[in-house]
Amino acid sequence: MKAIEVTGTLDEKGQLSLDQPIENFAPSRVRVIVLFPEVIEEAETDPDDTPIEEVKASLRRAWQEAKSGQRIPLSQMWEGIDVE
């Protein structure tokens, strides 16, 4: 058996609708495992989590710096970081 991961939406009638078609497979019966996200109370969110937009912006900056040759030598990367 081969497994792939796809996303979709379960409607009010319990019908599953996939976000994208599954390609390169012959029509056949399949087994479906549905994973529901756990509901997390607002108070239970981790205050140390960095907002997604901030992470994306940081990755864009790092990518631009790497493309322009602005790199930190490996010998300096761990300076100032306490490692136990």
PDB file of N, CA and C in Angstrom:
ATOM      1  N   MET A   1       0.846  -1.177   0.000  1.00  0.00           N
ATOM      2  CA  MET A   1       0.000   0.000   0.000  1.00  0.00           C
ATOM      3  C   MET A   1       0.890   1.238   0.000  1.00  0.00           C
ATOM      4  N   LYS A   2       0.532   2.248  -0.736  1.00  0.00           N
ATOM      5  CA  LYS A   2       1.283   3.488  -0.822  1.00  0.00           C
ATOM      6  C   LYS A   2       0.473   4.592  -0.124  1.00  0.00           C
ATOM      7  N   ALA A   3       1.161   5.507   0.553  1.00  0.00           N
ATOM      8  CA  ALA A   3       0.480   6.588   1.264  1.00  0.00           C
ATOM      9  C   ALA A   3       0.913   7.931   0.702  1.00  0.00           C
ATOM     10  N   ILE A   4      -0.033   8.849   0.607  1.00  0.00           N
ATOM     11  CA  ILE A   4       0.248  10.239   0.257  1.00  0.00           C
ATOM     12  C   ILE A   4      -0.531  11.101   1.241  1.00  0.00           C
ATOM     13  N   GLU A   5      -0.108  12.324   1.392  1.00  0.00           N
ATOM     14  CA  GLU A   5      -0.815  13.238   2.286  1.00  0.00           C
ATOM     15  C   GLU A   5      -1.441  14.346   1.462  1.00  0.00           C
ATOM     16  N   VAL A   6      -2.729  14.573   1.680  1.00  0.00           N
ATOM     17  CA  VAL A   6      -3.447  15.653   1.014  1.00  0.00           C
ATOM     18  C   VAL A   6      -4.287  16.371   2.059  1.00  0.00           C
ATOM     19  N   THR A   7      -4.754  17.555   1.727  1.00  0.00           N
ATOM     20  CA  THR A   7      -5.627  18.283   2.638  1.00  0.00           C
ATOM     21  C   THR A   7      -6.994  18.435   1.992  1.00  0.00           C
ATOM     22  N   GLY A   8      -7.971  18.702   2.800  1.00  0.00           N
ATOM     23  CA  GLY A   8      -9.322  18.861   2.285  1.00  0.00           C
ATOM     24  C   GLY A   8     -10.221  19.442   3.350  1.00  0.00           C
ATOM     25  N   THR A   9     -11.509  19.458   3.031  1.00  0.00           N
ATOM     26  CA  THR A   9     -12.504  20.029   3.929  1.00  0.00           C
ATOM     27  C   THR A   9     -13.645  19.037   4.110  1.00  0.00           C
ATOM     28  N   LEU A  10     -14.079  18.898   5.339  1.00  0.00           N
ATOM     29  CA  LEU A  10     -15.224  18.060   5.650  1.00  0.00           C
ATOM     30  C   LEU A  10     -16.432  18.985   5.766  1.00  0.00           C
ATOM     31  N   ASP A  11     -17.458  18.758   4.946  1.00  0.00           N
ATOM     32  CA  ASP A  11     -18.621  19.657   4.981  1.00  0.00           C
ATOM     33  C   ASP A  11     -19.630  19.212   6.034  1.00  0.00           C
ATOM     34  N   GLU A  12     -20.719  19.968   6.134  1.00  0.00           N
ATOM     35  CA  GLU A  12     -21.731  19.700   7.157  1.00  0.00           C
ATOM     36  C   GLU A  12     -22.431  18.365   6.967  1.00  0.00           C
ATOM     37  N   LYS A  13     -22.355  17.784   5.786  1.00  0.00           N
ATOM     38  CA  LYS A  13     -22.962  16.480   5.518  1.00  0.00           C
ATOM     39  C   LYS A  13     -21.977  15.339   5.734  1.00  0.00           C
ATOM     40  N   GLY A  14     -20.746  15.678   6.131  1.00  0.00           N
ATOM     41  CA  GLY A  14     -19.744  14.651   6.358  1.00  0.00           C
ATOM     42  C   GLY A  14     -19.025  14.219   5.091  1.00  0.00           C
ATOM     43  N   GLN A  15     -19.175  14.971   4.022  1.00  0.00           N
ATOM     44  CA  GLN A  15     -18.521  14.654   2.757  1.00  0.00           C
ATOM     45  C   GLN A  15     -17.157  15.324   2.709  1.00  0.00           C
ATOM     46  N   LEU A  16     -16.158  14.569   2.265  1.00  0.00           N
ATOM     47  CA  LEU A  16     -14.796  15.072   2.183  1.00  0.00           C
ATOM     48  C   LEU A  16     -14.529  15.626   0.788  1.00  0.00           C
ATOM     49  N   SER A  17     -13.998  16.838   0.729  1.00  0.00           N
ATOM     50  CA  SER A  17     -13.633  17.469  -0.540  1.00  0.00           C
ATOM     51  C   SER A  17     -12.152  17.802  -0.468  1.00  0.00           C
ATOM     52  N   LEU A  18     -11.348  17.259  -1.417  1.00  0.00           N
ATOM     53  CA  LEU A  18      -9.917  17.500  -1.413  1.00  0.00           C
ATOM     54  C   LEU A  18      -9.598  18.867  -1.995  1.00  0.00           C
ATOM     55  N   ASP A  19      -8.539  19.495  -1.473  1.00  0.00           N
ATOM     56  CA  ASP A  19      -8.115  20.806  -1.965  1.00  0.00           C
ATOM     57  C   ASP A  19      -7.517  20.717  -3.362  1.00  0.00           C
ATOM     58  N   GLN A  20      -6.841  19.622  -3.659  1.00  0.00           N
ATOM     59  CA  GLN A  20      -6.206  19.423  -4.965  1.00  0.00           C
ATOM     60  C   GLN A  20      -6.518  18.005  -5.431  1.00  0.00           C
ATOM     61  N   PRO A  21      -6.623  17.785  -6.723  1.00  0.00           N
ATOM     62  CA  PRO A  21      -6.831  16.407  -7.194  1.00  0.00           C
ATOM     63  C   PRO A  21      -5.582  15.564  -6.960  1.00  0.00           C
ATOM     64  N   ILE A  22      -5.795  14.276  -6.791  1.00  0.00           N
ATOM     65  CA  ILE A  22      -4.687  13.334  -6.662  1.00  0.00           C
ATOM     66  C   ILE A  22      -4.375  12.834  -8.061  1.00  0.00           C
ATOM     67  N   GLU A  23      -3.159  13.102  -8.524  1.00  0.00           N
ATOM     68  CA  GLU A  23      -2.795  12.764  -9.895  1.00  0.00           C
ATOM     69  C   GLU A  23      -1.816  11.597  -9.930  1.00  0.00           C
ATOM     70  N   ASN A  24      -1.664  11.026 -11.098  1.00  0.00           N
ATOM     71  CA  ASN A  24      -0.717   9.942 -11.362  1.00  0.00           C
ATOM     72  C   ASN A  24      -1.068   8.642 -10.659  1.00  0.00           C
ATOM     73  N   PHE A  25      -2.332   8.428 -10.363  1.00  0.00           N
ATOM     74  CA  PHE A  25      -2.803   7.170  -9.803  1.00  0.00           C
ATOM     75  C   PHE A  25      -4.029   6.735 -10.596  1.00  0.00           C
ATOM     76  N   ALA A  26      -4.134   5.446 -10.839  1.00  0.00           N
ATOM     77  CA  ALA A  26      -5.293   4.912 -11.559  1.00  0.00           C
ATOM     78  C   ALA A  26      -6.516   4.983 -10.655  1.00  0.00           C
ATOM     79  N   PRO A  27      -7.696   5.152 -11.220  1.00  0.00           N
ATOM     80  CA  PRO A  27      -8.923   5.147 -10.402  1.00  0.00           C
ATOM     81  C   PRO A  27      -9.015   3.832  -9.619  1.00  0.00           C
ATOM     82  N   SER A  28      -9.275   3.937  -8.336  1.00  0.00           N
ATOM     83  CA  SER A  28      -9.387   2.750  -7.491  1.00  0.00           C
ATOM     84  C   SER A  28     -10.021   3.134  -6.160  1.00  0.00           C
ATOM     85  N   ARG A  29     -10.385   2.113  -5.379  1.00  0.00           N
ATOM     86  CA  ARG A  29     -10.860   2.363  -4.025  1.00  0.00           C
ATOM     87  C   ARG A  29      -9.648   2.696  -3.164  1.00  0.00           C
ATOM     88  N   VAL A  30      -9.827   3.535  -2.162  1.00  0.00           N
ATOM     89  CA  VAL A  30      -8.732   3.943  -1.283  1.00  0.00           C
ATOM     90  C   VAL A  30      -9.189   3.871   0.169  1.00  0.00           C
ATOM     91  N   ARG A  31      -8.221   3.806   1.065  1.00  0.00           N
ATOM     92  CA  ARG A  31      -8.499   3.925   2.491  1.00  0.00           C
ATOM     93  C   ARG A  31      -8.213   5.369   2.874  1.00  0.00           C
ATOM     94  N   VAL A  32      -9.026   5.936   3.741  1.00  0.00           N
ATOM     95  CA  VAL A  32      -8.871   7.335   4.139  1.00  0.00           C
ATOM     96  C   VAL A  32      -8.748   7.409   5.654  1.00  0.00           C
ATOM     97  N   ILE A  33      -7.726   8.111   6.114  1.00  0.00           N
ATOM     98  CA  ILE A  33      -7.568   8.413   7.538  1.00  0.00           C
ATOM     99  C   ILE A  33      -7.705   9.925   7.662  1.00  0.00           C
ATOM    100  N   VAL A  34      -8.626  10.377   8.473  1.00  0.00           N
ATOM    101  CA  VAL A  34      -8.868  11.807   8.623  1.00  0.00           C
ATOM    102  C   VAL A  34      -8.303  12.270   9.961  1.00  0.00           C
ATOM    103  N   LEU A  35      -7.442  13.280   9.912  1.00  0.00           N
ATOM    104  CA  LEU A  35      -6.858  13.846  11.126  1.00  0.00           C
ATOM    105  C   LEU A  35      -7.482  15.217  11.374  1.00  0.00           C
ATOM    106  N   PHE A  36      -8.114  15.364  12.504  1.00  0.00           N
ATOM    107  CA  PHE A  36      -8.741  16.630  12.857  1.00  0.00           C
ATOM    108  C   PHE A  36      -7.788  17.440  13.732  1.00  0.00           C
ATOM    109  N   PRO A  37      -7.678  18.747  13.486  1.00  0.00           N
ATOM    110  CA  PRO A  37      -6.825  19.565  14.353  1.00  0.00           C
ATOM    111  C   PRO A  37      -7.445  19.643  15.745  1.00  0.00           C
ATOM    112  N   GLU A  38      -6.569  19.646  16.745  1.00  0.00           N
ATOM    113  CA  GLU A  38      -7.059  19.795  18.109  1.00  0.00           C
ATOM    114  C   GLU A  38      -7.420  21.247  18.345  1.00  0.00           C
ATOM    115  N   VAL A  39      -8.472  21.475  19.071  1.00  0.00           N
ATOM    116  CA  VAL A  39      -8.875  22.838  19.404  1.00  0.00           C
ATOM    117  C   VAL A  39      -8.010  23.293  20.570  1.00  0.00           C
ATOM    118  N   ILE A  40      -7.299  24.374  20.369  1.00  0.00           N
ATOM    119  CA  ILE A  40      -6.415  24.905  21.401  1.00  0.00           C
ATOM    120  C   ILE A  40      -6.999  26.222  21.904  1.00  0.00           C
ATOM    121  N   GLU A  41      -7.164  26.282  23.202  1.00  0.00           N
ATOM    122  CA  GLU A  41      -7.655  27.515  23.799  1.00  0.00           C
ATOM    123  C   GLU A  41      -6.620  28.614  23.596  1.00  0.00           C
ATOM    124  N   GLU A  42      -7.045  29.840  23.478  1.00  0.00           N
ATOM    125  CA  GLU A  42      -6.139  30.969  23.277  1.00  0.00           C
ATOM    126  C   GLU A  42      -5.097  31.041  24.381  1.00  0.00           C
ATOM    127  N   ALA A  43      -5.482  30.728  25.610  1.00  0.00           N
ATOM    128  CA  ALA A  43      -4.557  30.795  26.740  1.00  0.00           C
ATOM    129  C   ALA A  43      -3.493  29.699  26.668  1.00  0.00           C
ATOM    130  N   GLU A  44      -3.753  28.624  25.887  1.00  0.00           N
ATOM    131  CA  GLU A  44      -2.818  27.516  25.817  1.00  0.00           C
ATOM    132  C   GLU A  44      -1.750  27.711  24.738  1.00  0.00           C
ATOM    133  N   THR A  45      -1.854  28.756  23.934  1.00  0.00           N
ATOM    134  CA  THR A  45      -0.851  28.957  22.897  1.00  0.00           C
ATOM    135  C   THR A  45       0.480  29.328  23.533  1.00  0.00           C
ATOM    136  N   ASP A  46       1.550  28.931  22.897  1.00  0.00           N
ATOM    137  CA  ASP A  46       2.893  29.154  23.430  1.00  0.00           C
ATOM    138  C   ASP A  46       3.295  30.610  23.185  1.00  0.00           C
ATOM    139  N   PRO A  47       3.564  31.365  24.237  1.00  0.00           N
ATOM    140  CA  PRO A  47       3.930  32.779  24.061  1.00  0.00           C
ATOM    141  C   PRO A  47       5.280  32.943  23.365  1.00  0.00           C
ATOM    142  N   ASP A  48       6.079  31.864  23.310  1.00  0.00           N
ATOM    143  CA  ASP A  48       7.376  31.930  22.641  1.00  0.00           C
ATOM    144  C   ASP A  48       7.278  31.689  21.141  1.00  0.00           C
ATOM    145  N   ASP A  49       6.103  31.302  20.642  1.00  0.00           N
ATOM    146  CA  ASP A  49       5.945  31.068  19.204  1.00  0.00           C
ATOM    147  C   ASP A  49       6.092  32.377  18.444  1.00  0.00           C
ATOM    148  N   THR A  50       6.902  32.353  17.411  1.00  0.00           N
ATOM    149  CA  THR A  50       7.101  33.527  16.570  1.00  0.00           C
ATOM    150  C   THR A  50       6.003  33.540  15.515  1.00  0.00           C
ATOM    151  N   PRO A  51       5.353  34.685  15.297  1.00  0.00           N
ATOM    152  CA  PRO A  51       4.302  34.760  14.276  1.00  0.00           C
ATOM    153  C   PRO A  51       4.830  34.342  12.900  1.00  0.00           C
ATOM    154  N   ILE A  52       3.994  33.664  12.141  1.00  0.00           N
ATOM    155  CA  ILE A  52       4.382  33.131  10.832  1.00  0.00           C
ATOM    156  C   ILE A  52       4.904  34.229   9.908  1.00  0.00           C
ATOM    157  N   GLU A  53       4.257  35.374   9.874  1.00  0.00           N
ATOM    158  CA  GLU A  53       4.702  36.450   8.980  1.00  0.00           C
ATOM    159  C   GLU A  53       6.111  36.931   9.354  1.00  0.00           C
ATOM    160  N   GLU A  54       6.410  36.944  10.637  1.00  0.00           N
ATOM    161  CA  GLU A  54       7.750  37.343  11.076  1.00  0.00           C
ATOM    162  C   GLU A  54       8.794  36.312  10.649  1.00  0.00           C
ATOM    163  N   VAL A  55       8.449  35.045  10.739  1.00  0.00           N
ATOM    164  CA  VAL A  55       9.354  33.976  10.298  1.00  0.00           C
ATOM    165  C   VAL A  55       9.601  34.084   8.800  1.00  0.00           C
ATOM    166  N   LYS A  56       8.523  34.289   8.022  1.00  0.00           N
ATOM    167  CA  LYS A  56       8.667  34.419   6.574  1.00  0.00           C
ATOM    168  C   LYS A  56       9.557  35.602   6.203  1.00  0.00           C
ATOM    169  N   ALA A  57       9.366  36.723   6.873  1.00  0.00           N
ATOM    170  CA  ALA A  57      10.176  37.914   6.594  1.00  0.00           C
ATOM    171  C   ALA A  57      11.647  37.648   6.911  1.00  0.00           C
ATOM    172  N   SER A  58      11.902  36.954   8.009  1.00  0.00           N
ATOM    173  CA  SER A  58      13.273  36.627   8.383  1.00  0.00           C
ATOM    174  C   SER A  58      13.921  35.697   7.359  1.00  0.00           C
ATOM    175  N   LEU A  59      13.164  34.722   6.881  1.00  0.00           N
ATOM    176  CA  LEU A  59      13.699  33.810   5.860  1.00  0.00           C
ATOM    177  C   LEU A  59      13.986  34.547   4.550  1.00  0.00           C
ATOM    178  N   ARG A  60      13.114  35.500   4.188  1.00  0.00           N
ATOM    179  CA  ARG A  60      13.351  36.288   2.965  1.00  0.00           C
ATOM    180  C   ARG A  60      14.642  37.094   3.093  1.00  0.00           C
ATOM    181  N   ARG A  61      14.834  37.739   4.269  1.00  0.00           N
ATOM    182  CA  ARG A  61      16.053  38.513   4.501  1.00  0.00           C
ATOM    183  C   ARG A  61      17.291  37.624   4.429  1.00  0.00           C
ATOM    184  N   ALA A  62      17.219  36.464   5.096  1.00  0.00           N
ATOM    185  CA  ALA A  62      18.358  35.548   5.109  1.00  0.00           C
ATOM    186  C   ALA A  62      18.683  35.063   3.703  1.00  0.00           C
ATOM    187  N   TRP A  63      17.665  34.778   2.913  1.00  0.00           N
ATOM    188  CA  TRP A  63      17.876  34.317   1.532  1.00  0.00           C
ATOM    189  C   TRP A  63      18.554  35.414   0.703  1.00  0.00           C
ATOM    190  N   GLN A  64      18.097  36.656   0.842  1.00  0.00           N
ATOM    191  CA  GLN A  64      18.695  37.768   0.107  1.00  0.00           C
ATOM    192  C   GLN A  64      20.150  37.980   0.531  1.00  0.00           C
ATOM    193  N   GLU A  65      20.415  37.876   1.843  1.00  0.00           N
ATOM    194  CA  GLU A  65      21.782  38.024   2.334  1.00  0.00           C
ATOM    195  C   GLU A  65      22.684  36.927   1.789  1.00  0.00           C
ATOM    196  N   ALA A  66      22.182  35.705   1.766  1.00  0.00           N
ATOM    197  CA  ALA A  66      22.974  34.581   1.245  1.00  0.00           C
ATOM    198  C   ALA A  66      23.254  34.759  -0.243  1.00  0.00           C
ATOM    199  N   LYS A  67      22.253  35.218  -1.005  1.00  0.00           N
ATOM    200  CA  LYS A  67      22.441  35.422  -2.444  1.00  0.00           C
ATOM    201  C   LYS A  67      23.441  36.528  -2.731  1.00  0.00           C
ATOM    202  N   SER A  68      23.504  37.524  -1.853  1.00  0.00           N
ATOM    203  CA  SER A  68      24.419  38.645  -2.083  1.00  0.00           C
ATOM    204  C   SER A  68      25.795  38.410  -1.458  1.00  0.00           C
ATOM    205  N   GLY A  69      26.006  37.229  -0.886  1.00  0.00           N
ATOM    206  CA  GLY A  69      27.318  36.903  -0.335  1.00  0.00           C
ATOM    207  C   GLY A  69      27.538  37.345   1.095  1.00  0.00           C
ATOM    208  N   GLN A  70      26.523  37.862   1.736  1.00  0.00           N
ATOM    209  CA  GLN A  70      26.648  38.287   3.132  1.00  0.00           C
ATOM    210  C   GLN A  70      26.495  37.062   4.033  1.00  0.00           C
ATOM    211  N   ARG A  71      27.618  36.424   4.323  1.00  0.00           N
ATOM    212  CA  ARG A  71      27.583  35.192   5.111  1.00  0.00           C
ATOM    213  C   ARG A  71      28.449  35.349   6.356  1.00  0.00           C
ATOM    214  N   ILE A  72      28.092  34.590   7.384  1.00  0.00           N
ATOM    215  CA  ILE A  72      28.888  34.566   8.611  1.00  0.00           C
ATOM    216  C   ILE A  72      29.769  33.326   8.536  1.00  0.00           C
ATOM    217  N   PRO A  73      31.075  33.472   8.766  1.00  0.00           N
ATOM    218  CA  PRO A  73      31.948  32.296   8.763  1.00  0.00           C
ATOM    219  C   PRO A  73      31.498  31.288   9.825  1.00  0.00           C
ATOM    220  N   LEU A  74      31.589  30.016   9.493  1.00  0.00           N
ATOM    221  CA  LEU A  74      31.161  28.963  10.400  1.00  0.00           C
ATOM    222  C   LEU A  74      31.839  29.081  11.764  1.00  0.00           C
ATOM    223  N   SER A  75      33.082  29.510  11.777  1.00  0.00           N
ATOM    224  CA  SER A  75      33.819  29.632  13.039  1.00  0.00           C
ATOM    225  C   SER A  75      33.186  30.666  13.976  1.00  0.00           C
ATOM    226  N   GLN A  76      32.401  31.607  13.445  1.00  0.00           N
ATOM    227  CA  GLN A  76      31.778  32.648  14.270  1.00  0.00           C
ATOM    228  C   GLN A  76      30.319  32.353  14.602  1.00  0.00           C
ATOM    229  N   MET A  77      29.726  31.345  13.982  1.00  0.00           N
ATOM    230  CA  MET A  77      28.289  31.103  14.160  1.00  0.00           C
ATOM    231  C   MET A  77      27.883  30.804  15.593  1.00  0.00           C
ATOM    232  N   TRP A  78      28.733  30.115  16.354  1.00  0.00           N
ATOM    233  CA  TRP A  78      28.363  29.721  17.705  1.00  0.00           C
ATOM    234  C   TRP A  78      28.814  30.715  18.761  1.00  0.00           C
ATOM    235  N   GLU A  79      29.468  31.796  18.378  1.00  0.00           N
ATOM    236  CA  GLU A  79      29.904  32.785  19.359  1.00  0.00           C
ATOM    237  C   GLU A  79      28.711  33.393  20.086  1.00  0.00           C
ATOM    238  N   GLY A  80      28.793  33.434  21.393  1.00  0.00           N
ATOM    239  CA  GLY A  80      27.729  34.036  22.189  1.00  0.00           C
ATOM    240  C   GLY A  80      26.561  33.127  22.476  1.00  0.00           C
ATOM    241  N   ILE A  81      26.589  31.886  21.980  1.00  0.00           N
ATOM    242  CA  ILE A  81      25.511  30.952  22.236  1.00  0.00           C
ATOM    243  C   ILE A  81      25.978  29.983  23.317  1.00  0.00           C
ATOM    244  N   ASP A  82      25.221  29.897  24.410  1.00  0.00           N
ATOM    245  CA  ASP A  82      25.564  28.972  25.478  1.00  0.00           C
ATOM    246  C   ASP A  82      25.091  27.580  25.093  1.00  0.00           C
ATOM    247  N   VAL A  83      26.018  26.654  25.009  1.00  0.00           N
ATOM    248  CA  VAL A  83      25.694  25.279  24.672  1.00  0.00           C
ATOM    249  C   VAL A  83      25.982  24.407  25.878  1.00  0.00           C
ATOM    250  N   GLU A  84      25.006  23.639  26.276  1.00  0.00           N
ATOM    251  CA  GLU A  84      25.194  22.767  27.458  1.00  0.00           C
ATOM    252  C   GLU A  84      25.667  21.418  27.031  1.00  0.00           C
TER     253      GLU A  84
END
